[in-house]
């Protein structure tokens, strides 16, 4: 690729499905293999020779952008708050991937658990920074056990009493005997940009920011 090329990092999974119409509206058409879920490729060309796409884990998007491996990307506000990278600039809320980050526990424990009396809690989460800060602001010491998945099993198997995780419909919690007891924050996906690249390649990146902004506005008015 030429030194004028840009790399866009996007997350795998559900968010990518919601992002697809915005990519189209922004005039980005990835190569056919991008939509092949069995493809082992991670980097893809697009109809624009100056833009390629990498498809990676949602938690890794912000890291790739922060360290300049990608120039722009799509990351959840939960990821941005968890890592708080100073080199990441988030100019646009894309209005997709909407959910919430919440505290949950076993439904059978709710009647005997009084959050107003908590002084110390043990919590399984993949958001130890957000979780610790949230409870510290309430004067509660949070002992965070970091897990990457299967969070709902932790209370059932006695690892901890509470979890902090993303909640959308609540169906996964219900299926595992858990209930949401407190909301920490609302979450949505943002367009993010590497700050250094934004200074040195502002014309290119501002063009793409505008295209995504127009795509969001067009998508909302449909």
Foldseek 3Di string as FASTA:
>chain_A
DDPQAFEEEEEDDDQVVVCVLLCVLLVWAWDPCVPVPPDPDQKTATPDNRYIYGYYHQLCRVVCQQVVVGFKYKHKPLSCVLVVRPQKDFPWFLPPPKWFKFKKFAPVCVVVDDVVPAAEFEEEEQRVPLVQVQVVVVNHGYRYDYDPDPRLCCCVVVVGGMYIDTDHPCPVQVVSRMDTDGTSGIMGMTMMGGNVCCVVVVVVVVSSVVSSVVSSVVVVVD
